[in-house]
Amino acid sequence: MLPSALRITNLQKAGRPLAPPLTGASHGGSVQLRVKTSSGPGERLSQSKSMVLQDCDLQPQKPISRHRRNQSQHGVAGAGATGTSVDLQGEYLNKAKISEDGKKQRKNWMSSWVVLDAHQLTFYKESKQEVLANLKPGCKPDRVDLCGAVVDWTTEKSRRKNVLQITTHTGSEYLLQADSYTTICKWYDAIKKTVNSLSNGSAGLGSGKPGLGRSNSTECLPKHSSLPGYGLVSPSTKQRSMVYRRSISNSKLKHSISDSADKSGVKSRLKKFIIRRPSMKVLQEKGLIKDRVFGCHLLTLCEREGTTVPSFVKLCLETVEQRGLTVDGIYRVSGNLATVQKLRFMVDQEEELDLDASQWEDIHVVTGALKMFFRELPEPLFPFRFFELFVEAIKTKDLRQKVQAVKKLIHQLPQPNLDIMRLLFGHLQRVLACTTKNLMSSQGVSIVFGPTLMWPEKETGNMAFNMLYQNQIVEFILMESHEIFDLDK
């Protein structure tokens, strides 16, 4: 073996520079060794260590890892450094919290600075160095206890690739994702080892000191492992607690999967119900839906009641003649719409109806319901096919010929239409007989009942032009009703 002086001379000849000797050193062969380490991404520190080149020091040493990734992930320090090892010092990952204590939350992905230590994951909005440097208030990190947690890959909770799920013992669920598959695999392995070490209680073995883990390992002891009495739990108790934790985590995972299955099941059942729902005719035959009065075709309604004039029309006309002929603005004034709709509902439900009750005290409610009945007929009292014929008849200039033309058309109407028209116009004649009290003229009545009793099937042409003829036809029939309907007989 060469002496130390000769070894130094050879190094100088080889072109390797030597550091200047330290001042105040006790040995003449003292040199300064500069070792570069990194304690975190983006931060490079340098250490200086004084050493003496002796024979023992010139022996071949184990190489120190200079790879930045190894230093940042496994906490490799300079020669002679001691301390607790950290699995993963920090890295930016995409994080989403989808459940807290078993309660689902809205999934919001956000980039977080993730740090893994002996027993927990810590999520920072910024890197830990930036948080400490800026000292921003309110930057409280989110910590996840890995004791009793479950870590697994997932493809159902997100459409993103490379997603792992962490379910804590309290039921909280987190998703971690990285664009690089290698990066997320590294974190999966590290978190899995930490969870296993916490579950088995074997962290820190081989470290030689209580509470300290191996410098190049991802396994560390729990926080309170050095307290008296720790580790004295019986194996049966440990096994029961592990089974309980697994049952809780599995139930949480199954519950979240069953929720999505239930939603799809509800949709399929609802779709089948809509396809197989019975028709209106079947429901009417079974008595589940009763036949309506309002909006029913006139011929159908009369056939069902076995008459040519609906009972509701008769009842309304009788009530108005009893207590409404002398009311100011009869048929012109509108009643309360809510009360009119209530009356309509009772009629459609075939409930016993008494128009003399106090709730129908306002006669304008009764007249409003009667006008609504005529307006909601699928085909008006003057059928569609007769609309143009009545318009041509009213254009006749000779009065006698006009009366005969209109009378001929009216007697061609279906029997229910003819009987209702005769009853209605006879009633309106009695309304006009009290014109000094109710202030209703033939023109006022025709303006109310013209658009109510007749309208074209298709609105072609000028609407005001049609309304003009509607009013003229009703007013002419009203004025000549005695001769047209033979009311005197």
Protein backbone atom coordinates (compact mmCIF):
# COMPACT_ATOMS: atom_id res chain seq x y z
CA MET A 1 0.00 0.00 0.00
CA LEU A 2 1.33 3.44 -0.98
CA PRO A 3 1.93 6.03 1.72
CA SER A 4 -0.41 8.99 2.02
CA ALA A 5 2.05 11.57 0.62
CA LEU A 6 2.65 9.47 -2.50
CA ARG A 7 -1.10 9.00 -3.04
CA ILE A 8 -1.66 12.79 -2.90
CA THR A 9 1.15 13.37 -5.42
CA ASN A 10 -0.44 10.88 -7.81
CA LEU A 11 -3.80 12.58 -7.54
CA GLN A 12 -2.19 15.92 -8.41
CA LYS A 13 -0.51 14.47 -11.46
CA ALA A 14 -3.78 12.97 -12.60
CA GLY A 15 -5.26 16.47 -12.76
CA ARG A 16 -7.63 16.12 -9.82
CA PRO A 17 -7.60 19.36 -7.80
CA LEU A 18 -7.30 19.20 -4.09
CA ALA A 19 -9.06 21.60 -1.72
CA PRO A 20 -6.77 23.99 0.20
CA PRO A 21 -5.91 22.82 3.69
CA LEU A 22 -8.09 23.96 6.54
CA THR A 23 -6.62 26.59 8.85
CA GLY A 24 -6.00 25.46 12.37
CA ALA A 25 -6.03 21.76 11.43
CA SER A 26 -4.09 19.50 13.67
CA HIS A 27 -2.90 17.29 10.81
CA GLY A 28 -0.93 18.37 7.82
CA GLY A 29 -2.89 16.15 5.42
CA SER A 30 -6.24 17.79 6.17
CA VAL A 31 -8.45 18.66 3.17
CA GLN A 32 -11.95 20.02 2.74
CA LEU A 33 -14.57 17.79 1.11
CA ARG A 34 -17.66 19.44 -0.35
CA VAL A 35 -20.72 17.22 -0.54
CA LYS A 36 -23.91 18.31 -2.35
CA THR A 37 -27.26 17.02 -1.18
CA SER A 38 -30.87 17.95 -1.73
CA SER A 39 -33.60 18.07 0.87
CA GLY A 40 -36.43 18.67 -1.55
CA PRO A 41 -37.26 19.37 -5.20
CA GLY A 42 -35.95 22.68 -6.39
CA GLU A 43 -33.66 23.12 -3.38
CA ARG A 44 -29.99 22.16 -3.43
CA LEU A 45 -27.85 22.46 -0.34
CA SER A 46 -24.15 21.99 0.09
CA GLN A 47 -22.26 20.75 3.08
CA SER A 48 -18.58 21.07 3.86
CA LYS A 49 -16.89 18.47 5.92
CA SER A 50 -13.35 18.47 7.09
CA MET A 51 -11.54 15.20 6.92
CA VAL A 52 -7.96 13.98 7.20
CA LEU A 53 -6.54 11.76 4.53
CA GLN A 54 -5.24 8.83 6.49
CA ASP A 55 -4.67 5.27 5.51
CA CYS A 56 -8.03 4.22 6.77
CA ASP A 57 -9.65 7.07 4.84
CA LEU A 58 -7.99 6.11 1.59
CA GLN A 59 -9.68 2.74 1.59
CA PRO A 60 -12.37 2.26 -1.09
CA GLN A 61 -15.66 3.76 0.18
CA LYS A 62 -19.21 2.90 -0.80
CA PRO A 63 -20.42 5.30 -3.52
CA ILE A 64 -22.90 7.98 -2.47
CA SER A 65 -25.98 8.23 -4.71
CA ARG A 66 -25.94 11.49 -6.66
CA HIS A 67 -29.27 10.92 -8.40
CA ARG A 68 -31.65 13.77 -7.54
CA ARG A 69 -34.72 11.55 -7.63
CA ASN A 70 -33.20 9.11 -5.12
CA GLN A 71 -32.18 11.96 -2.86
CA SER A 72 -35.57 13.67 -2.92
CA GLN A 73 -37.59 10.52 -2.48
CA HIS A 74 -35.51 8.63 0.06
CA GLY A 75 -33.88 11.45 2.00
CA VAL A 76 -30.30 10.51 1.18
CA ALA A 77 -28.05 12.91 3.10
CA GLY A 78 -24.32 13.51 3.10
CA ALA A 79 -21.87 11.21 4.76
CA GLY A 80 -22.46 10.92 8.44
CA ALA A 81 -26.00 12.43 8.35
CA THR A 82 -28.52 10.88 10.71
CA GLY A 83 -32.29 11.24 11.26
CA THR A 84 -35.70 9.82 10.51
CA SER A 85 -36.16 8.81 6.86
CA VAL A 86 -39.07 10.14 4.80
CA ASP A 87 -40.69 7.99 2.12
CA LEU A 88 -41.65 10.66 -0.41
CA GLN A 89 -40.70 14.25 0.35
CA GLY A 90 -43.21 15.85 -2.02
CA GLU A 91 -44.56 16.03 -5.55
CA TYR A 92 -47.41 17.70 -7.39
CA LEU A 93 -50.32 15.27 -7.96
CA ASN A 94 -53.96 15.71 -8.91
CA LYS A 95 -56.18 15.14 -5.89
CA ALA A 96 -59.96 14.88 -5.48
CA LYS A 97 -61.93 14.29 -2.27
CA ILE A 98 -65.14 12.40 -3.10
CA SER A 99 -66.33 11.45 0.38
CA GLU A 100 -65.91 12.64 3.97
CA ASP A 101 -66.89 10.34 6.83
CA GLY A 102 -69.12 8.35 4.48
CA LYS A 103 -70.93 11.41 3.05
CA LYS A 104 -70.46 11.93 -0.65
CA GLN A 105 -68.98 15.18 -1.89
CA ARG A 106 -68.77 16.84 -5.26
CA LYS A 107 -65.66 15.68 -7.08
CA ASN A 108 -63.31 18.60 -7.78
CA TRP A 109 -59.86 17.85 -9.12
CA MET A 110 -57.05 20.16 -8.02
CA SER A 111 -53.28 20.07 -8.13
CA SER A 112 -51.76 19.57 -4.67
CA TRP A 113 -48.28 19.23 -3.25
CA VAL A 114 -48.39 15.74 -1.69
CA VAL A 115 -46.05 14.64 1.10
CA LEU A 116 -45.94 11.12 2.56
CA ASP A 117 -44.49 10.53 6.00
CA ALA A 118 -44.55 7.75 8.57
CA HIS A 119 -48.28 7.58 9.18
CA GLN A 120 -50.13 10.08 7.00
CA LEU A 121 -50.46 11.88 3.69
CA THR A 122 -50.40 15.66 3.67
CA PHE A 123 -51.87 17.77 0.86
CA TYR A 124 -50.68 21.37 0.40
CA LYS A 125 -52.10 23.88 -2.03
CA GLU A 126 -48.50 24.99 -2.58
CA SER A 127 -45.23 23.27 -1.97
CA LYS A 128 -44.24 23.04 1.66
CA GLN A 129 -41.21 25.30 1.13
CA GLU A 130 -43.40 28.02 -0.45
CA VAL A 131 -45.89 27.80 2.42
CA LEU A 132 -43.13 28.17 5.02
CA ALA A 133 -41.45 30.98 3.06
CA ASN A 134 -44.54 33.07 2.50
CA LEU A 135 -46.20 32.29 5.85
CA LYS A 136 -49.64 32.70 4.31
CA PRO A 137 -52.51 32.50 6.82
CA GLY A 138 -55.29 30.01 6.15
CA CYS A 139 -53.03 27.60 4.25
CA LYS A 140 -53.92 24.71 6.55
CA PRO A 141 -52.97 21.45 4.86
CA ASP A 142 -55.31 18.50 4.49
CA ARG A 143 -53.98 15.47 6.37
CA VAL A 144 -55.05 11.90 5.74
CA ASP A 145 -54.39 9.28 8.41
CA LEU A 146 -53.23 6.06 6.74
CA CYS A 147 -53.78 3.86 9.79
CA GLY A 148 -56.43 1.31 8.80
CA ALA A 149 -56.75 2.78 5.30
CA VAL A 150 -57.35 0.85 2.07
CA VAL A 151 -55.42 1.67 -1.11
CA ASP A 152 -56.44 0.33 -4.49
CA TRP A 153 -56.60 1.23 -8.18
CA THR A 154 -59.92 2.45 -9.52
CA THR A 155 -61.44 2.97 -12.97
CA GLU A 156 -65.05 3.56 -11.89
CA LYS A 157 -64.70 6.76 -9.86
CA SER A 158 -63.10 8.83 -12.64
CA ARG A 159 -62.63 8.84 -16.40
CA ARG A 160 -59.01 9.83 -15.95
CA LYS A 161 -56.20 7.34 -16.30
CA ASN A 162 -53.73 6.35 -13.60
CA VAL A 163 -56.09 6.89 -10.65
CA LEU A 164 -55.72 5.30 -7.22
CA GLN A 165 -58.24 5.48 -4.40
CA ILE A 166 -57.52 5.85 -0.69
CA THR A 167 -60.33 4.98 1.75
CA THR A 168 -59.64 5.87 5.39
CA HIS A 169 -60.99 4.03 8.43
CA THR A 170 -63.53 6.85 8.94
CA GLY A 171 -65.05 6.40 5.47
CA SER A 172 -63.37 9.36 3.73
CA GLU A 173 -62.33 8.69 0.13
CA TYR A 174 -59.58 10.40 -1.85
CA LEU A 175 -58.47 10.01 -5.47
CA LEU A 176 -54.88 10.57 -6.58
CA GLN A 177 -53.89 10.85 -10.23
CA ALA A 178 -50.77 11.60 -12.23
CA ASP A 179 -50.20 11.85 -15.95
CA SER A 180 -47.18 9.58 -15.68
CA TYR A 181 -47.90 5.93 -14.93
CA THR A 182 -44.44 5.51 -13.43
CA THR A 183 -45.03 8.37 -11.00
CA ILE A 184 -48.40 7.10 -9.76
CA CYS A 185 -47.01 3.56 -9.40
CA LYS A 186 -44.23 4.93 -7.22
CA TRP A 187 -46.76 6.61 -4.94
CA TYR A 188 -49.02 3.56 -4.90
CA ASP A 189 -46.17 1.33 -3.74
CA ALA A 190 -45.01 3.80 -1.09
CA ILE A 191 -48.51 4.37 0.33
CA LYS A 192 -49.24 0.62 0.25
CA LYS A 193 -46.07 -0.13 2.21
CA THR A 194 -46.90 2.56 4.76
CA VAL A 195 -50.43 1.21 5.24
CA ASN A 196 -49.13 -2.34 5.62
CA SER A 197 -46.48 -1.26 8.11
CA LEU A 198 -49.08 0.56 10.20
CA SER A 199 -51.43 -2.42 10.09
CA ASN A 200 -48.80 -5.03 10.97
CA GLY A 201 -47.05 -2.92 13.61
CA SER A 202 -43.67 -3.98 12.22
CA ALA A 203 -42.34 -0.54 11.26
CA GLY A 204 -38.97 0.41 12.68
CA LEU A 205 -37.62 -3.12 13.08
CA GLY A 206 -33.94 -3.26 12.29
CA SER A 207 -33.41 0.43 12.81
CA GLY A 208 -31.67 -0.14 16.11
CA LYS A 209 -33.48 2.75 17.82
CA PRO A 210 -37.05 3.00 18.96
CA GLY A 211 -39.21 5.36 16.97
CA LEU A 212 -36.71 5.54 14.04
CA GLY A 213 -37.05 3.81 10.72
CA ARG A 214 -34.38 2.60 8.38
CA SER A 215 -32.77 5.42 6.41
CA ASN A 216 -33.47 3.84 3.01
CA SER A 217 -36.84 2.23 3.77
CA THR A 218 -40.43 3.35 3.39
CA GLU A 219 -41.50 1.69 6.65
CA CYS A 220 -41.74 3.77 9.84
CA LEU A 221 -43.22 3.27 13.26
CA PRO A 222 -46.56 4.88 14.22
CA LYS A 223 -46.56 8.17 16.07
CA HIS A 224 -46.89 6.77 19.61
CA SER A 225 -44.96 3.53 19.18
CA SER A 226 -42.44 4.43 21.92
CA LEU A 227 -45.08 4.87 24.64
CA PRO A 228 -45.19 2.26 27.46
CA GLY A 229 -47.50 -0.62 26.80
CA TYR A 230 -47.45 -0.21 23.03
CA GLY A 231 -47.30 -3.49 21.19
CA LEU A 232 -48.85 -5.45 24.09
CA VAL A 233 -52.15 -5.97 22.26
CA SER A 234 -53.01 -9.62 21.83
CA PRO A 235 -52.87 -11.13 18.31
CA SER A 236 -56.59 -11.97 18.47
CA THR A 237 -57.45 -8.32 19.19
CA LYS A 238 -55.26 -7.19 16.28
CA GLN A 239 -56.95 -9.70 13.98
CA ARG A 240 -60.43 -8.57 15.02
CA SER A 241 -59.54 -4.91 14.48
CA MET A 242 -58.10 -5.66 11.04
CA VAL A 243 -61.24 -7.60 10.05
CA TYR A 244 -63.41 -4.73 11.34
CA ARG A 245 -61.44 -2.17 9.34
CA ARG A 246 -61.63 -4.26 6.20
CA SER A 247 -65.38 -4.73 6.65
CA ILE A 248 -65.89 -0.97 7.03
CA SER A 249 -63.77 -0.12 4.00
CA ASN A 250 -65.33 -2.85 1.88
CA SER A 251 -68.83 -1.74 2.85
CA LYS A 252 -67.99 1.83 1.86
CA LEU A 253 -66.65 0.70 -1.51
CA LYS A 254 -69.62 -1.60 -2.13
CA HIS A 255 -72.02 1.17 -1.11
CA SER A 256 -70.56 3.60 -3.64
CA ILE A 257 -70.68 0.95 -6.37
CA SER A 258 -74.24 0.00 -5.48
CA ASP A 259 -75.34 3.64 -5.75
CA SER A 260 -74.39 3.80 -9.42
CA ALA A 261 -76.04 0.42 -9.99
CA ASP A 262 -79.25 1.61 -8.30
CA LYS A 263 -79.37 4.72 -10.50
CA SER A 264 -79.09 2.68 -13.68
CA GLY A 265 -81.67 0.23 -12.32
CA VAL A 266 -84.15 3.02 -11.57
CA LYS A 267 -83.72 4.41 -15.09
CA SER A 268 -84.35 1.02 -16.70
CA ARG A 269 -87.43 0.34 -14.54
CA LEU A 270 -88.82 3.79 -15.26
CA LYS A 271 -88.28 3.27 -18.99
CA LYS A 272 -90.10 -0.08 -18.87
CA PHE A 273 -92.98 1.49 -16.93
CA ILE A 274 -93.39 4.27 -19.50
CA ILE A 275 -93.40 1.77 -22.35
CA ARG A 276 -95.93 -0.51 -20.65
CA ARG A 277 -98.16 2.20 -19.18
CA PRO A 278 -101.85 1.70 -20.04
CA SER A 279 -103.69 3.92 -22.48
CA MET A 280 -106.29 6.50 -21.49
CA LYS A 281 -109.06 4.24 -22.75
CA VAL A 282 -107.93 1.33 -20.55
CA LEU A 283 -107.74 3.59 -17.49
CA GLN A 284 -111.23 4.90 -18.20
CA GLU A 285 -112.58 1.36 -18.58
CA LYS A 286 -111.06 0.38 -15.23
CA GLY A 287 -112.58 3.46 -13.59
CA LEU A 288 -109.22 4.92 -12.60
CA ILE A 289 -109.86 8.01 -14.72
CA LYS A 290 -113.38 9.34 -14.86
CA ASP A 291 -114.89 10.80 -18.00
CA ARG A 292 -114.59 14.55 -18.15
CA VAL A 293 -117.34 17.08 -18.74
CA PHE A 294 -115.20 20.03 -19.72
CA GLY A 295 -113.38 19.37 -22.98
CA CYS A 296 -115.52 16.36 -23.89
CA HIS A 297 -117.09 16.17 -27.33
CA LEU A 298 -120.71 17.30 -27.26
CA LEU A 299 -122.17 14.16 -28.86
CA THR A 300 -120.11 11.90 -26.54
CA LEU A 301 -121.24 13.78 -23.45
CA CYS A 302 -124.90 13.66 -24.44
CA GLU A 303 -124.71 9.92 -25.19
CA ARG A 304 -123.14 9.28 -21.79
CA GLU A 305 -125.85 11.26 -19.99
CA GLY A 306 -128.65 9.94 -22.21
CA THR A 307 -129.92 13.41 -23.12
CA THR A 308 -129.55 16.02 -25.85
CA VAL A 309 -128.69 18.88 -23.46
CA PRO A 310 -125.90 18.33 -20.85
CA SER A 311 -127.11 18.57 -17.27
CA PHE A 312 -124.44 21.13 -16.39
CA VAL A 313 -125.72 23.52 -19.08
CA LYS A 314 -129.29 23.17 -17.82
CA LEU A 315 -128.20 23.74 -14.22
CA CYS A 316 -126.25 26.92 -15.05
CA LEU A 317 -129.08 28.44 -17.12
CA GLU A 318 -131.63 27.71 -14.40
CA THR A 319 -129.39 29.28 -11.72
CA VAL A 320 -128.84 32.45 -13.76
CA GLU A 321 -132.59 32.83 -14.42
CA GLN A 322 -133.31 32.41 -10.70
CA ARG A 323 -130.88 35.01 -9.34
CA GLY A 324 -128.91 36.65 -12.15
CA LEU A 325 -131.19 38.18 -14.78
CA THR A 326 -131.15 41.59 -13.12
CA VAL A 327 -127.43 41.58 -12.16
CA ASP A 328 -125.46 44.40 -13.77
CA GLY A 329 -123.19 43.14 -16.58
CA ILE A 330 -124.42 39.54 -16.51
CA TYR A 331 -122.20 37.39 -18.81
CA ARG A 332 -120.01 40.43 -19.51
CA VAL A 333 -118.37 40.58 -16.07
CA SER A 334 -115.86 37.80 -15.33
CA GLY A 335 -115.94 35.84 -12.08
CA ASN A 336 -112.97 34.85 -9.92
CA LEU A 337 -110.88 32.48 -12.03
CA ALA A 338 -109.72 30.33 -9.09
CA THR A 339 -113.33 29.76 -8.01
CA VAL A 340 -114.34 29.00 -11.60
CA GLN A 341 -111.57 26.38 -11.83
CA LYS A 342 -112.71 24.87 -8.53
CA LEU A 343 -116.24 24.56 -9.90
CA ARG A 344 -114.91 22.98 -13.06
CA PHE A 345 -112.91 20.43 -11.04
CA MET A 346 -115.98 19.38 -9.07
CA VAL A 347 -117.99 18.95 -12.28
CA ASP A 348 -115.26 16.82 -13.88
CA GLN A 349 -115.03 14.63 -10.77
CA GLU A 350 -118.82 14.10 -10.91
CA GLU A 351 -119.20 15.33 -7.36
CA GLU A 352 -122.60 16.39 -6.10
CA LEU A 353 -123.05 19.98 -7.20
CA ASP A 354 -125.26 22.58 -5.56
CA LEU A 355 -124.94 25.98 -7.26
CA ASP A 356 -127.02 27.57 -4.48
CA ALA A 357 -124.22 26.92 -1.97
CA SER A 358 -122.44 29.89 -0.42
CA GLN A 359 -119.19 29.24 -2.30
CA TRP A 360 -121.04 29.83 -5.60
CA GLU A 361 -122.80 32.91 -4.30
CA ASP A 362 -121.21 35.10 -6.97
CA ILE A 363 -123.37 34.56 -10.08
CA HIS A 364 -120.46 35.62 -12.30
CA VAL A 365 -118.68 32.41 -11.27
CA VAL A 366 -121.57 30.37 -12.67
CA THR A 367 -121.69 32.36 -15.95
CA GLY A 368 -117.89 32.12 -16.21
CA ALA A 369 -118.03 28.32 -15.87
CA LEU A 370 -120.76 28.13 -18.52
CA LYS A 371 -118.72 30.19 -21.00
CA MET A 372 -115.64 28.05 -20.23
CA PHE A 373 -117.64 24.91 -21.01
CA PHE A 374 -118.50 26.19 -24.51
CA ARG A 375 -114.96 27.49 -25.17
CA GLU A 376 -113.30 24.16 -24.30
CA LEU A 377 -115.46 22.01 -26.58
CA PRO A 378 -113.28 20.15 -29.12
CA GLU A 379 -115.77 21.30 -31.77
CA PRO A 380 -117.83 24.44 -31.11
CA LEU A 381 -121.60 24.59 -30.82
CA PHE A 382 -121.63 25.77 -34.46
CA PRO A 383 -119.70 22.88 -36.06
CA PHE A 384 -116.64 23.61 -38.20
CA ARG A 385 -118.24 22.51 -41.46
CA PHE A 386 -121.04 25.06 -40.99
CA PHE A 387 -118.79 28.08 -40.36
CA GLU A 388 -118.41 29.20 -43.98
CA LEU A 389 -122.07 28.41 -44.72
CA PHE A 390 -123.25 30.73 -41.93
CA VAL A 391 -120.88 33.45 -43.16
CA GLU A 392 -122.36 33.22 -46.68
CA ALA A 393 -125.91 33.23 -45.29
CA ILE A 394 -125.32 36.36 -43.17
CA LYS A 395 -124.11 38.20 -46.26
CA THR A 396 -127.56 37.92 -47.84
CA LYS A 397 -129.05 41.39 -48.26
CA ASP A 398 -132.72 40.49 -48.29
CA LEU A 399 -133.92 40.08 -44.67
CA ARG A 400 -136.53 37.42 -45.42
CA GLN A 401 -134.10 35.31 -47.42
CA LYS A 402 -131.44 35.76 -44.74
CA VAL A 403 -133.78 34.46 -42.01
CA GLN A 404 -134.73 31.44 -44.10
CA ALA A 405 -131.10 30.65 -44.98
CA VAL A 406 -129.96 30.80 -41.35
CA LYS A 407 -132.98 28.82 -40.14
CA LYS A 408 -132.32 26.11 -42.74
CA LEU A 409 -128.69 25.75 -41.63
CA ILE A 410 -129.58 25.60 -37.92
CA HIS A 411 -132.12 22.82 -38.47
CA GLN A 412 -129.41 20.84 -40.30
CA LEU A 413 -127.26 20.73 -37.14
CA PRO A 414 -127.00 17.55 -35.04
CA GLN A 415 -129.83 17.18 -32.55
CA PRO A 416 -127.75 18.00 -29.39
CA ASN A 417 -126.41 21.18 -31.05
CA LEU A 418 -129.93 22.23 -32.13
CA ASP A 419 -131.53 21.60 -28.72
CA ILE A 420 -128.72 23.37 -26.81
CA MET A 421 -128.89 26.33 -29.20
CA ARG A 422 -132.68 26.61 -28.80
CA LEU A 423 -132.41 26.50 -24.99
CA LEU A 424 -129.51 28.96 -24.87
CA PHE A 425 -130.97 31.60 -27.20
CA GLY A 426 -134.31 31.40 -25.42
CA HIS A 427 -132.45 32.12 -22.16
CA LEU A 428 -130.60 35.06 -23.75
CA GLN A 429 -133.96 36.48 -24.88
CA ARG A 430 -135.02 36.63 -21.23
CA VAL A 431 -131.71 38.33 -20.37
CA LEU A 432 -132.45 41.02 -22.98
CA ALA A 433 -135.92 41.45 -21.52
CA CYS A 434 -134.24 42.84 -18.36
CA THR A 435 -131.88 45.14 -20.24
CA THR A 436 -132.88 48.19 -18.19
CA LYS A 437 -131.55 46.47 -15.03
CA ASN A 438 -128.62 44.41 -16.27
CA LEU A 439 -127.57 46.93 -18.94
CA MET A 440 -126.95 44.15 -21.48
CA SER A 441 -127.86 44.85 -25.12
CA SER A 442 -128.07 42.44 -28.05
CA GLN A 443 -124.76 43.78 -29.32
CA GLY A 444 -123.10 43.27 -25.90
CA VAL A 445 -124.40 39.69 -25.67
CA SER A 446 -123.22 38.89 -29.24
CA ILE A 447 -119.72 40.24 -28.46
CA VAL A 448 -119.54 37.82 -25.51
CA PHE A 449 -121.03 34.73 -27.18
CA GLY A 450 -119.83 35.24 -30.80
CA PRO A 451 -116.25 33.87 -30.27
CA THR A 452 -117.56 31.48 -27.58
CA LEU A 453 -120.05 29.58 -29.75
CA MET A 454 -118.29 29.50 -33.14
CA TRP A 455 -114.78 29.72 -34.64
CA PRO A 456 -113.15 28.38 -37.82
CA GLU A 457 -111.27 25.10 -37.77
CA LYS A 458 -108.14 26.79 -39.15
CA GLU A 459 -107.32 30.40 -38.53
CA THR A 460 -106.86 31.51 -42.14
CA GLY A 461 -107.19 35.14 -43.12
CA ASN A 462 -107.87 38.09 -40.89
CA MET A 463 -108.86 37.17 -37.33
CA ALA A 464 -110.73 40.46 -36.84
CA PHE A 465 -112.67 39.77 -40.05
CA ASN A 466 -113.82 36.39 -38.72
CA MET A 467 -114.74 37.88 -35.35
CA LEU A 468 -116.90 40.45 -37.10
CA TYR A 469 -118.95 37.75 -38.79
CA GLN A 470 -119.12 35.70 -35.58
CA ASN A 471 -120.70 38.59 -33.71
CA GLN A 472 -123.08 39.39 -36.59
CA ILE A 473 -124.29 35.78 -36.87
CA VAL A 474 -124.97 35.43 -33.13
CA GLU A 475 -126.68 38.82 -32.93
CA PHE A 476 -128.89 38.06 -35.95
CA ILE A 477 -129.92 34.66 -34.52
CA LEU A 478 -130.63 36.34 -31.18
CA MET A 479 -132.84 39.00 -32.78
CA GLU A 480 -134.70 36.48 -34.97
CA SER A 481 -134.75 33.58 -32.49
CA HIS A 482 -138.54 33.54 -32.19
CA GLU A 483 -138.95 32.74 -35.87
CA ILE A 484 -135.82 30.61 -36.28
CA PHE A 485 -136.51 28.32 -33.29
CA ASP A 486 -140.31 28.73 -33.24
CA LEU A 487 -140.12 29.91 -29.63
CA ASP A 488 -143.72 31.19 -29.71
CA LYS A 489 -145.00 27.64 -30.28
